[in-house]
């Protein structure tokens, strides 16, 4: 599956109505809701949106005739086989009625055009890992993690003797990276791989 690398936007004027689509990557349902709230415009006539995060998805027509906006935005996401993506299409009415078919083409087309402008990246399965390390090994461990492809340190909590790191490892190389951490610390570091896979 693919997602957007970063947020992107696109503006179109369709029969005097202004449509602005903003799309971006989201990691969770909560992040999708925050994205939509952040990119909805208060003085616009409509802020129609859709998002998909795995099997979870939502969409709304925001006052447009039922089935003419949100569903079409979601279809634009699905046609491009995207995941972990939210799209808001904002409309300022220009005085010309578009009709149901025109609205469907406008919302779906603007969302699709916006999504096509963004750079796509592959979503990699990750495994959450907890690493407990002493202060003497902390700098070496964090440097090795930073140089390992696809590794992301999400949290660092300090203890009396060192630190506990919460890290995402790429699923495909999780065991090799865990072994590397144990080897470079001569077994002083503790590495616990969460059995559940996120991503």
N, C-alpha and C. Protein backbone atom coordinates (compact mmCIF):
# COMPACT_ATOMS: atom_id res chain seq x y z
N UNK A 1 0.84 -1.19 0.00
CA UNK A 1 0.00 0.00 0.00
C UNK A 1 0.88 1.25 0.00
N UNK A 2 0.28 2.33 -0.51
CA UNK A 2 0.99 3.60 -0.59
C UNK A 2 0.29 4.66 0.24
N UNK A 3 1.04 5.67 0.64
CA UNK A 3 0.48 6.85 1.29
C UNK A 3 1.20 8.07 0.75
N UNK A 4 0.75 9.24 1.13
CA UNK A 4 1.42 10.48 0.75
C UNK A 4 2.63 10.68 1.65
N UNK A 5 3.71 11.19 1.06
CA UNK A 5 4.90 11.49 1.86
C UNK A 5 4.65 12.71 2.74
N UNK A 6 3.94 13.70 2.20
CA UNK A 6 3.63 14.92 2.94
C UNK A 6 2.34 15.53 2.40
N UNK A 7 1.85 16.55 3.08
CA UNK A 7 0.60 17.19 2.66
C UNK A 7 0.78 17.89 1.31
N UNK A 8 -0.33 17.94 0.56
CA UNK A 8 -0.34 18.61 -0.74
C UNK A 8 -1.70 19.25 -0.93
N UNK A 9 -1.78 20.28 -1.77
CA UNK A 9 -3.07 20.91 -2.03
C UNK A 9 -3.18 21.33 -3.49
N UNK A 10 -4.42 21.54 -3.91
CA UNK A 10 -4.70 21.90 -5.30
C UNK A 10 -5.98 22.72 -5.33
N UNK A 11 -6.01 23.74 -6.18
CA UNK A 11 -7.19 24.59 -6.31
C UNK A 11 -7.72 24.53 -7.73
N UNK A 12 -9.04 24.48 -7.87
CA UNK A 12 -9.69 24.50 -9.18
C UNK A 12 -10.90 25.44 -9.11
N UNK A 13 -11.17 26.14 -10.20
CA UNK A 13 -12.39 26.93 -10.34
C UNK A 13 -13.28 26.16 -11.32
N UNK A 14 -14.46 25.78 -10.85
CA UNK A 14 -15.40 25.01 -11.68
C UNK A 14 -16.72 25.77 -11.69
N UNK A 15 -17.07 26.31 -12.85
CA UNK A 15 -18.31 27.10 -13.01
C UNK A 15 -18.45 28.13 -11.90
N UNK A 16 -17.41 28.91 -11.71
CA UNK A 16 -17.34 30.03 -10.76
C UNK A 16 -17.24 29.61 -9.29
N UNK A 17 -17.38 28.32 -8.98
CA UNK A 17 -17.15 27.86 -7.60
C UNK A 17 -15.67 27.53 -7.44
N UNK A 18 -15.14 27.89 -6.28
CA UNK A 18 -13.73 27.62 -5.98
C UNK A 18 -13.65 26.36 -5.13
N UNK A 19 -12.87 25.40 -5.59
CA UNK A 19 -12.65 24.15 -4.86
C UNK A 19 -11.17 24.06 -4.49
N UNK A 20 -10.89 23.86 -3.21
CA UNK A 20 -9.51 23.67 -2.75
C UNK A 20 -9.43 22.33 -2.03
N UNK A 21 -8.61 21.43 -2.55
CA UNK A 21 -8.40 20.13 -1.91
C UNK A 21 -7.07 20.14 -1.18
N UNK A 22 -7.08 19.61 0.03
CA UNK A 22 -5.86 19.43 0.81
C UNK A 22 -5.82 17.98 1.26
N UNK A 23 -4.71 17.30 0.96
CA UNK A 23 -4.56 15.88 1.31
C UNK A 23 -3.27 15.70 2.08
N UNK A 24 -3.27 14.72 2.99
CA UNK A 24 -2.06 14.48 3.74
C UNK A 24 -2.04 13.11 4.39
N UNK A 25 -0.86 12.68 4.81
CA UNK A 25 -0.74 11.38 5.48
C UNK A 25 -1.23 11.47 6.92
N UNK A 26 -1.92 10.44 7.38
CA UNK A 26 -2.39 10.36 8.76
C UNK A 26 -2.12 8.95 9.28
N UNK A 27 -1.72 8.86 10.55
CA UNK A 27 -1.32 7.56 11.09
C UNK A 27 -2.43 6.84 11.85
N UNK A 28 -3.52 7.57 12.16
CA UNK A 28 -4.58 6.98 12.98
C UNK A 28 -5.89 7.71 12.71
N UNK A 29 -7.00 7.14 13.22
CA UNK A 29 -8.29 7.80 13.10
C UNK A 29 -8.24 9.18 13.77
N UNK A 30 -7.61 9.25 14.93
CA UNK A 30 -7.52 10.52 15.66
C UNK A 30 -6.73 11.55 14.86
N UNK A 31 -5.63 11.12 14.24
CA UNK A 31 -4.83 12.04 13.42
C UNK A 31 -5.63 12.51 12.21
N UNK A 32 -6.47 11.64 11.65
CA UNK A 32 -7.32 12.03 10.51
C UNK A 32 -8.31 13.10 10.93
N UNK A 33 -8.93 12.93 12.10
CA UNK A 33 -9.88 13.93 12.60
C UNK A 33 -9.18 15.27 12.84
N UNK A 34 -7.97 15.22 13.36
CA UNK A 34 -7.20 16.46 13.60
C UNK A 34 -6.85 17.13 12.28
N UNK A 35 -6.47 16.34 11.27
CA UNK A 35 -6.13 16.88 9.95
C UNK A 35 -7.34 17.59 9.35
N UNK A 36 -8.50 16.95 9.43
CA UNK A 36 -9.72 17.53 8.87
C UNK A 36 -10.09 18.83 9.59
N UNK A 37 -9.99 18.83 10.91
CA UNK A 37 -10.29 20.05 11.68
C UNK A 37 -9.32 21.17 11.31
N UNK A 38 -8.06 20.83 11.12
CA UNK A 38 -7.04 21.84 10.82
C UNK A 38 -7.19 22.42 9.42
N UNK A 39 -7.76 21.65 8.48
CA UNK A 39 -7.82 22.10 7.08
C UNK A 39 -9.23 22.46 6.61
N UNK A 40 -10.20 22.45 7.52
CA UNK A 40 -11.53 22.92 7.17
C UNK A 40 -11.56 24.44 7.36
N UNK A 41 -12.20 25.14 6.44
CA UNK A 41 -12.20 26.60 6.43
C UNK A 41 -13.56 27.11 6.88
N UNK A 42 -13.57 27.93 7.94
CA UNK A 42 -14.81 28.38 8.55
C UNK A 42 -15.72 29.20 7.64
N UNK A 43 -15.15 30.03 6.76
CA UNK A 43 -15.99 30.90 5.93
C UNK A 43 -16.38 30.27 4.60
N UNK A 44 -16.02 29.02 4.38
CA UNK A 44 -16.39 28.32 3.14
C UNK A 44 -17.83 27.83 3.23
N UNK A 45 -18.43 27.55 2.06
CA UNK A 45 -19.79 27.01 2.05
C UNK A 45 -19.81 25.55 2.50
N UNK A 46 -18.80 24.78 2.08
CA UNK A 46 -18.76 23.36 2.41
C UNK A 46 -17.31 22.91 2.62
N UNK A 47 -17.10 22.05 3.61
CA UNK A 47 -15.83 21.35 3.83
C UNK A 47 -16.15 19.86 3.79
N UNK A 48 -16.07 19.27 2.62
CA UNK A 48 -16.37 17.85 2.46
C UNK A 48 -15.07 17.08 2.59
N UNK A 49 -15.13 15.89 3.17
CA UNK A 49 -13.88 15.18 3.43
C UNK A 49 -14.07 13.67 3.45
N UNK A 50 -12.92 12.99 3.39
CA UNK A 50 -12.88 11.53 3.55
C UNK A 50 -11.50 11.16 4.05
N UNK A 51 -11.43 10.05 4.75
CA UNK A 51 -10.14 9.51 5.15
C UNK A 51 -10.20 7.99 5.24
N UNK A 52 -9.05 7.38 5.05
CA UNK A 52 -8.92 5.93 5.19
C UNK A 52 -7.65 5.63 5.98
N UNK A 53 -7.82 4.80 7.04
CA UNK A 53 -6.69 4.29 7.82
C UNK A 53 -6.93 2.80 7.98
N UNK A 54 -6.31 2.00 7.13
CA UNK A 54 -6.55 0.55 7.15
C UNK A 54 -7.99 0.25 6.79
N UNK A 55 -8.67 -0.52 7.63
CA UNK A 55 -10.07 -0.87 7.38
C UNK A 55 -11.03 0.22 7.87
N UNK A 56 -10.50 1.23 8.54
CA UNK A 56 -11.32 2.30 9.09
C UNK A 56 -11.40 3.45 8.09
N UNK A 57 -12.61 3.96 7.85
CA UNK A 57 -12.78 5.10 6.94
C UNK A 57 -14.03 5.88 7.32
N UNK A 58 -14.04 7.14 6.94
CA UNK A 58 -15.19 8.01 7.15
C UNK A 58 -15.25 9.01 6.00
N UNK A 59 -16.46 9.53 5.74
CA UNK A 59 -16.61 10.60 4.75
C UNK A 59 -17.86 11.39 5.05
N UNK A 60 -17.90 12.63 4.57
CA UNK A 60 -19.08 13.46 4.77
C UNK A 60 -19.30 14.38 3.58
N UNK A 61 -20.59 14.71 3.35
CA UNK A 61 -20.97 15.64 2.28
C UNK A 61 -21.11 17.07 2.81
N UNK A 62 -21.07 17.28 4.12
CA UNK A 62 -21.12 18.59 4.74
C UNK A 62 -22.15 19.53 4.12
N UNK A 63 -23.37 19.05 4.00
CA UNK A 63 -24.46 19.90 3.51
C UNK A 63 -24.71 19.85 2.01
N UNK A 64 -23.79 19.27 1.25
CA UNK A 64 -24.04 19.07 -0.17
C UNK A 64 -25.06 17.93 -0.30
N UNK A 65 -25.75 17.82 -1.46
CA UNK A 65 -26.70 16.71 -1.63
C UNK A 65 -26.04 15.36 -1.33
N UNK A 66 -26.77 14.48 -0.66
CA UNK A 66 -26.24 13.19 -0.22
C UNK A 66 -25.60 12.41 -1.38
N UNK A 67 -24.39 11.93 -1.12
CA UNK A 67 -23.70 11.09 -2.10
C UNK A 67 -22.96 11.85 -3.19
N UNK A 68 -22.86 13.19 -3.08
CA UNK A 68 -22.22 13.96 -4.15
C UNK A 68 -20.80 14.41 -3.83
N UNK A 69 -20.31 14.14 -2.61
CA UNK A 69 -18.99 14.68 -2.25
C UNK A 69 -18.12 13.67 -1.51
N UNK A 70 -18.45 13.39 -0.24
CA UNK A 70 -17.58 12.56 0.60
C UNK A 70 -17.27 11.20 0.00
N UNK A 71 -18.30 10.54 -0.52
CA UNK A 71 -18.11 9.21 -1.10
C UNK A 71 -17.16 9.27 -2.30
N UNK A 72 -17.26 10.35 -3.09
CA UNK A 72 -16.40 10.50 -4.27
C UNK A 72 -14.96 10.79 -3.87
N UNK A 73 -14.77 11.52 -2.78
CA UNK A 73 -13.42 11.78 -2.27
C UNK A 73 -12.80 10.47 -1.79
N UNK A 74 -13.59 9.65 -1.07
CA UNK A 74 -13.10 8.35 -0.61
C UNK A 74 -12.76 7.45 -1.80
N UNK A 75 -13.59 7.48 -2.85
CA UNK A 75 -13.30 6.68 -4.05
C UNK A 75 -11.99 7.12 -4.70
N UNK A 76 -11.70 8.43 -4.67
CA UNK A 76 -10.43 8.92 -5.23
C UNK A 76 -9.25 8.33 -4.45
N UNK A 77 -9.38 8.26 -3.13
CA UNK A 77 -8.33 7.65 -2.30
C UNK A 77 -8.17 6.18 -2.67
N UNK A 78 -9.30 5.46 -2.75
CA UNK A 78 -9.26 4.02 -3.00
C UNK A 78 -8.79 3.68 -4.41
N UNK A 79 -9.16 4.50 -5.41
CA UNK A 79 -8.74 4.22 -6.79
C UNK A 79 -7.22 4.26 -6.94
N UNK A 80 -6.58 5.12 -6.14
CA UNK A 80 -5.12 5.21 -6.19
C UNK A 80 -4.46 4.22 -5.22
N UNK A 81 -5.27 3.35 -4.60
CA UNK A 81 -4.78 2.34 -3.64
C UNK A 81 -3.98 2.98 -2.51
N UNK A 82 -4.51 4.08 -1.97
CA UNK A 82 -3.83 4.78 -0.89
C UNK A 82 -4.40 4.37 0.46
N UNK A 83 -3.58 4.47 1.48
CA UNK A 83 -3.98 4.20 2.85
C UNK A 83 -3.36 5.27 3.74
N UNK A 84 -3.87 5.41 4.95
CA UNK A 84 -3.36 6.39 5.90
C UNK A 84 -3.37 7.79 5.28
N UNK A 85 -4.51 8.15 4.66
CA UNK A 85 -4.64 9.42 3.95
C UNK A 85 -5.97 10.08 4.33
N UNK A 86 -5.93 11.41 4.49
CA UNK A 86 -7.14 12.21 4.67
C UNK A 86 -7.17 13.29 3.60
N UNK A 87 -8.38 13.61 3.12
CA UNK A 87 -8.55 14.65 2.11
C UNK A 87 -9.73 15.53 2.51
N UNK A 88 -9.51 16.84 2.47
CA UNK A 88 -10.58 17.82 2.67
C UNK A 88 -10.72 18.59 1.37
N UNK A 89 -11.95 18.67 0.82
CA UNK A 89 -12.22 19.51 -0.35
C UNK A 89 -13.17 20.61 0.11
N UNK A 90 -12.67 21.83 0.08
CA UNK A 90 -13.42 23.00 0.53
C UNK A 90 -14.00 23.71 -0.69
N UNK A 91 -15.28 24.13 -0.58
CA UNK A 91 -15.95 24.81 -1.69
C UNK A 91 -16.49 26.16 -1.26
N UNK A 92 -16.20 27.16 -2.10
CA UNK A 92 -16.83 28.46 -1.99
C UNK A 92 -17.77 28.57 -3.19
N UNK A 93 -19.07 28.69 -2.93
CA UNK A 93 -20.08 28.70 -4.00
C UNK A 93 -19.94 29.96 -4.85
N UNK A 94 -19.96 29.76 -6.17
CA UNK A 94 -19.76 30.87 -7.10
C UNK A 94 -21.02 31.37 -7.76
N UNK A 95 -22.18 30.84 -7.38
CA UNK A 95 -23.43 31.34 -7.92
C UNK A 95 -24.04 30.50 -9.02
N UNK A 96 -23.31 29.50 -9.51
CA UNK A 96 -23.83 28.63 -10.58
C UNK A 96 -24.05 27.24 -10.00
N UNK A 97 -25.29 26.73 -10.08
CA UNK A 97 -25.59 25.39 -9.57
C UNK A 97 -24.93 24.35 -10.48
N UNK A 98 -24.31 23.35 -9.88
CA UNK A 98 -23.60 22.33 -10.66
C UNK A 98 -24.44 21.09 -10.89
N UNK A 99 -25.51 20.89 -10.11
CA UNK A 99 -26.28 19.66 -10.22
C UNK A 99 -25.53 18.51 -9.58
N UNK A 100 -26.24 17.42 -9.34
CA UNK A 100 -25.60 16.26 -8.67
C UNK A 100 -24.41 15.73 -9.43
N UNK A 101 -24.55 15.52 -10.72
CA UNK A 101 -23.44 15.00 -11.53
C UNK A 101 -22.25 15.94 -11.54
N UNK A 102 -22.52 17.23 -11.64
CA UNK A 102 -21.45 18.22 -11.63
C UNK A 102 -20.72 18.26 -10.31
N UNK A 103 -21.48 18.16 -9.21
CA UNK A 103 -20.85 18.12 -7.88
C UNK A 103 -19.98 16.89 -7.72
N UNK A 104 -20.48 15.75 -8.17
CA UNK A 104 -19.72 14.50 -8.04
C UNK A 104 -18.40 14.60 -8.81
N UNK A 105 -18.47 15.13 -10.04
CA UNK A 105 -17.25 15.28 -10.84
C UNK A 105 -16.30 16.30 -10.20
N UNK A 106 -16.87 17.38 -9.66
CA UNK A 106 -16.04 18.43 -9.06
C UNK A 106 -15.32 17.94 -7.81
N UNK A 107 -16.06 17.33 -6.90
CA UNK A 107 -15.43 16.86 -5.66
C UNK A 107 -14.49 15.68 -5.91
N UNK A 108 -14.97 14.68 -6.63
CA UNK A 108 -14.11 13.52 -6.92
C UNK A 108 -12.91 13.90 -7.75
N UNK A 109 -13.12 14.75 -8.77
CA UNK A 109 -12.03 15.15 -9.65
C UNK A 109 -10.99 16.01 -8.95
N UNK A 110 -11.45 16.94 -8.11
CA UNK A 110 -10.51 17.81 -7.39
C UNK A 110 -9.69 16.98 -6.40
N UNK A 111 -10.34 16.05 -5.69
CA UNK A 111 -9.62 15.19 -4.74
C UNK A 111 -8.59 14.33 -5.47
N UNK A 112 -9.00 13.72 -6.59
CA UNK A 112 -8.07 12.85 -7.35
C UNK A 112 -6.90 13.65 -7.89
N UNK A 113 -7.17 14.83 -8.44
CA UNK A 113 -6.09 15.67 -8.99
C UNK A 113 -5.11 16.07 -7.89
N UNK A 114 -5.64 16.40 -6.72
CA UNK A 114 -4.78 16.76 -5.58
C UNK A 114 -3.90 15.57 -5.17
N UNK A 115 -4.50 14.40 -5.05
CA UNK A 115 -3.74 13.21 -4.64
C UNK A 115 -2.66 12.88 -5.65
N UNK A 116 -2.93 13.10 -6.93
CA UNK A 116 -1.93 12.80 -7.97
C UNK A 116 -0.75 13.76 -7.93
N UNK A 117 -0.92 14.96 -7.33
CA UNK A 117 0.20 15.90 -7.25
C UNK A 117 1.18 15.53 -6.14
N UNK A 118 0.75 14.71 -5.19
CA UNK A 118 1.60 14.37 -4.05
C UNK A 118 2.58 13.25 -4.37
N UNK A 119 3.70 13.26 -3.65
CA UNK A 119 4.68 12.18 -3.78
C UNK A 119 4.20 11.01 -2.93
N UNK A 120 4.15 9.82 -3.54
CA UNK A 120 3.68 8.63 -2.84
C UNK A 120 4.85 7.81 -2.31
N UNK A 121 4.67 7.23 -1.14
CA UNK A 121 5.68 6.36 -0.55
C UNK A 121 5.01 5.08 -0.08
N UNK A 122 5.77 4.02 -0.04
CA UNK A 122 5.23 2.73 0.38
C UNK A 122 5.07 2.70 1.89
N UNK A 123 3.95 2.13 2.34
CA UNK A 123 3.73 1.94 3.78
C UNK A 123 4.40 0.62 4.17
N UNK A 124 5.35 0.70 5.07
CA UNK A 124 6.06 -0.50 5.50
C UNK A 124 5.50 -0.97 6.84
N UNK A 125 5.34 -2.27 6.97
CA UNK A 125 4.91 -2.83 8.25
C UNK A 125 6.01 -2.61 9.27
N UNK A 126 5.62 -2.18 10.47
CA UNK A 126 6.61 -1.93 11.52
C UNK A 126 6.26 -2.72 12.77
N UNK A 127 7.27 -2.91 13.59
CA UNK A 127 7.07 -3.59 14.87
C UNK A 127 7.58 -2.67 15.97
N UNK A 128 6.75 -2.49 16.99
CA UNK A 128 7.16 -1.65 18.13
C UNK A 128 8.13 -2.43 19.00
N UNK A 129 9.21 -1.76 19.38
CA UNK A 129 10.27 -2.39 20.16
C UNK A 129 10.59 -1.51 21.36
N UNK A 130 10.82 -2.14 22.50
CA UNK A 130 11.24 -1.42 23.69
C UNK A 130 12.68 -1.82 23.99
N UNK A 131 13.56 -0.81 24.06
CA UNK A 131 14.98 -1.05 24.33
C UNK A 131 15.34 -0.38 25.64
N UNK A 132 15.90 -1.16 26.56
CA UNK A 132 16.39 -0.61 27.83
C UNK A 132 17.91 -0.64 27.77
N UNK A 133 18.52 0.53 27.96
CA UNK A 133 19.96 0.66 27.76
C UNK A 133 20.57 1.52 28.86
N UNK A 134 21.82 1.24 29.21
CA UNK A 134 22.53 2.04 30.23
C UNK A 134 23.03 3.34 29.60
N UNK A 135 23.33 4.31 30.47
CA UNK A 135 23.86 5.59 29.97
C UNK A 135 25.13 5.39 29.15
N UNK A 136 25.99 4.44 29.57
CA UNK A 136 27.27 4.24 28.87
C UNK A 136 27.06 3.74 27.43
N UNK A 137 25.95 3.07 27.16
CA UNK A 137 25.68 2.56 25.81
C UNK A 137 24.68 3.42 25.02
N UNK A 138 24.06 4.40 25.66
CA UNK A 138 22.96 5.14 25.04
C UNK A 138 23.37 5.84 23.74
N UNK A 139 24.47 6.55 23.74
CA UNK A 139 24.89 7.30 22.54
C UNK A 139 25.15 6.35 21.37
N UNK A 140 25.83 5.22 21.64
CA UNK A 140 26.13 4.25 20.59
C UNK A 140 24.84 3.64 20.03
N UNK A 141 23.93 3.27 20.92
CA UNK A 141 22.67 2.65 20.48
C UNK A 141 21.84 3.63 19.64
N UNK A 142 21.69 4.86 20.13
CA UNK A 142 20.88 5.83 19.36
C UNK A 142 21.54 6.15 18.02
N UNK A 143 22.86 6.19 17.96
CA UNK A 143 23.54 6.45 16.69
C UNK A 143 23.30 5.31 15.70
N UNK A 144 23.39 4.07 16.18
CA UNK A 144 23.15 2.91 15.30
C UNK A 144 21.71 2.86 14.84
N UNK A 145 20.77 3.18 15.74
CA UNK A 145 19.36 3.20 15.35
C UNK A 145 19.11 4.27 14.29
N UNK A 146 19.72 5.44 14.49
CA UNK A 146 19.53 6.55 13.54
C UNK A 146 20.07 6.20 12.16
N UNK A 147 21.09 5.34 12.10
CA UNK A 147 21.68 4.99 10.80
C UNK A 147 21.04 3.75 10.18
N UNK A 148 20.07 3.15 10.86
CA UNK A 148 19.39 1.96 10.34
C UNK A 148 18.15 2.37 9.55
N UNK A 149 18.03 1.88 8.33
CA UNK A 149 16.93 2.26 7.44
C UNK A 149 15.57 1.90 8.03
N UNK A 150 14.66 2.86 8.01
CA UNK A 150 13.29 2.62 8.42
C UNK A 150 13.04 2.60 9.91
N UNK A 151 14.07 2.88 10.72
CA UNK A 151 13.92 2.87 12.18
C UNK A 151 13.52 4.26 12.65
N UNK A 152 12.54 4.31 13.56
CA UNK A 152 12.10 5.60 14.10
C UNK A 152 12.01 5.50 15.62
N UNK A 153 12.76 6.36 16.31
CA UNK A 153 12.68 6.43 17.78
C UNK A 153 11.47 7.31 18.11
N UNK A 154 10.48 6.70 18.79
CA UNK A 154 9.25 7.45 19.09
C UNK A 154 9.29 8.09 20.47
N UNK A 155 9.97 7.46 21.41
CA UNK A 155 9.98 8.01 22.77
C UNK A 155 11.26 7.59 23.47
N UNK A 156 11.76 8.50 24.32
CA UNK A 156 12.97 8.23 25.10
C UNK A 156 12.66 8.64 26.54
N UNK A 157 12.65 7.67 27.45
CA UNK A 157 12.38 7.95 28.86
C UNK A 157 13.63 7.61 29.67
N UNK A 158 14.08 8.57 30.45
CA UNK A 158 15.29 8.36 31.23
C UNK A 158 14.97 7.73 32.57
N UNK A 159 15.85 6.82 33.00
CA UNK A 159 15.73 6.16 34.29
C UNK A 159 16.97 6.52 35.11
N UNK A 160 17.09 5.96 36.29
CA UNK A 160 18.26 6.25 37.13
C UNK A 160 19.55 5.72 36.50
N UNK A 161 19.46 4.63 35.76
CA UNK A 161 20.67 3.99 35.22
C UNK A 161 20.86 4.17 33.72
N UNK A 162 19.84 4.70 33.04
CA UNK A 162 19.95 4.82 31.58
C UNK A 162 18.67 5.33 30.98
N UNK A 163 18.22 4.63 29.94
CA UNK A 163 17.01 5.08 29.25
C UNK A 163 16.23 3.89 28.72
N UNK A 164 14.93 4.11 28.55
CA UNK A 164 14.06 3.15 27.88
C UNK A 164 13.56 3.82 26.60
N UNK A 165 13.83 3.20 25.47
CA UNK A 165 13.45 3.75 24.18
C UNK A 165 12.29 2.96 23.60
N UNK A 166 11.31 3.68 23.07
CA UNK A 166 10.24 3.04 22.31
C UNK A 166 10.54 3.33 20.85
N UNK A 167 10.72 2.27 20.07
CA UNK A 167 11.23 2.41 18.70
C UNK A 167 10.39 1.58 17.74
N UNK A 168 10.19 2.11 16.53
CA UNK A 168 9.57 1.33 15.46
C UNK A 168 10.66 0.76 14.58
N UNK A 169 10.66 -0.58 14.43
CA UNK A 169 11.59 -1.26 13.52
C UNK A 169 10.80 -1.71 12.30
N UNK A 170 11.41 -1.69 11.11
CA UNK A 170 10.74 -2.31 9.96
C UNK A 170 10.54 -3.80 10.25
N UNK A 171 9.36 -4.31 10.00
CA UNK A 171 9.06 -5.71 10.30
C UNK A 171 10.07 -6.65 9.64
N UNK A 172 10.44 -6.36 8.42
CA UNK A 172 11.32 -7.26 7.65
C UNK A 172 12.71 -7.40 8.26
N UNK A 173 13.18 -6.38 8.97
CA UNK A 173 14.53 -6.45 9.53
C UNK A 173 14.56 -6.30 11.05
N UNK A 174 13.43 -6.48 11.72
CA UNK A 174 13.34 -6.26 13.16
C UNK A 174 14.29 -7.16 13.94
N UNK A 175 14.33 -8.44 13.60
CA UNK A 175 15.20 -9.37 14.36
C UNK A 175 16.67 -9.05 14.17
N UNK A 176 17.07 -8.69 12.95
CA UNK A 176 18.48 -8.36 12.69
C UNK A 176 18.90 -7.11 13.45
N UNK A 177 18.02 -6.10 13.49
CA UNK A 177 18.36 -4.87 14.21
C UNK A 177 18.42 -5.15 15.72
N UNK A 178 17.51 -5.95 16.23
CA UNK A 178 17.53 -6.31 17.65
C UNK A 178 18.83 -7.02 18.01
N UNK A 179 19.25 -7.97 17.15
CA UNK A 179 20.52 -8.69 17.40
C UNK A 179 21.71 -7.72 17.39
N UNK A 180 21.69 -6.76 16.45
CA UNK A 180 22.77 -5.79 16.35
C UNK A 180 22.87 -4.97 17.64
N UNK A 181 21.73 -4.55 18.21
CA UNK A 181 21.74 -3.76 19.45
C UNK A 181 22.31 -4.59 20.60
N UNK A 182 21.92 -5.84 20.68
CA UNK A 182 22.43 -6.72 21.74
C UNK A 182 23.93 -6.94 21.57
N UNK A 183 24.37 -7.15 20.31
CA UNK A 183 25.79 -7.38 20.03
C UNK A 183 26.66 -6.18 20.38
N UNK A 184 26.25 -4.97 19.94
CA UNK A 184 27.11 -3.79 20.16
C UNK A 184 27.18 -3.39 21.63
N UNK A 185 26.22 -3.86 22.43
CA UNK A 185 26.25 -3.56 23.87
C UNK A 185 26.74 -4.76 24.67
N UNK A 186 27.22 -5.78 23.99
CA UNK A 186 27.68 -7.02 24.64
C UNK A 186 26.62 -7.59 25.58
N UNK A 187 25.35 -7.48 25.16
CA UNK A 187 24.25 -8.06 25.91
C UNK A 187 23.73 -7.20 27.06
N UNK A 188 24.28 -6.00 27.22
CA UNK A 188 23.82 -5.14 28.32
C UNK A 188 22.45 -4.54 28.03
N UNK A 189 22.13 -4.34 26.77
CA UNK A 189 20.82 -3.76 26.41
C UNK A 189 19.77 -4.85 26.38
N UNK A 190 18.56 -4.48 26.79
CA UNK A 190 17.42 -5.38 26.71
C UNK A 190 16.55 -4.92 25.54
N UNK A 191 16.19 -5.86 24.65
CA UNK A 191 15.38 -5.54 23.48
C UNK A 191 14.13 -6.42 23.52
N UNK A 192 12.95 -5.79 23.61
CA UNK A 192 11.69 -6.52 23.67
C UNK A 192 10.87 -6.15 22.43
N UNK A 193 10.63 -7.15 21.58
CA UNK A 193 9.83 -6.92 20.36
C UNK A 193 8.37 -7.20 20.66
N UNK A 194 7.53 -6.19 20.41
CA UNK A 194 6.09 -6.36 20.56
C UNK A 194 5.64 -7.36 19.49
N UNK A 195 4.87 -8.39 19.86
CA UNK A 195 4.48 -9.37 18.86
C UNK A 195 3.48 -8.84 17.84
N UNK A 196 2.74 -7.76 18.20
CA UNK A 196 1.76 -7.23 17.25
C UNK A 196 2.45 -6.32 16.25
N UNK A 197 1.95 -6.34 15.03
CA UNK A 197 2.53 -5.56 13.95
C UNK A 197 1.61 -4.38 13.67
N UNK A 198 2.18 -3.19 13.62
CA UNK A 198 1.42 -1.99 13.25
C UNK A 198 1.86 -1.58 11.86
N UNK A 199 1.01 -0.77 11.19
CA UNK A 199 1.46 -0.23 9.92
C UNK A 199 0.61 -0.61 8.78
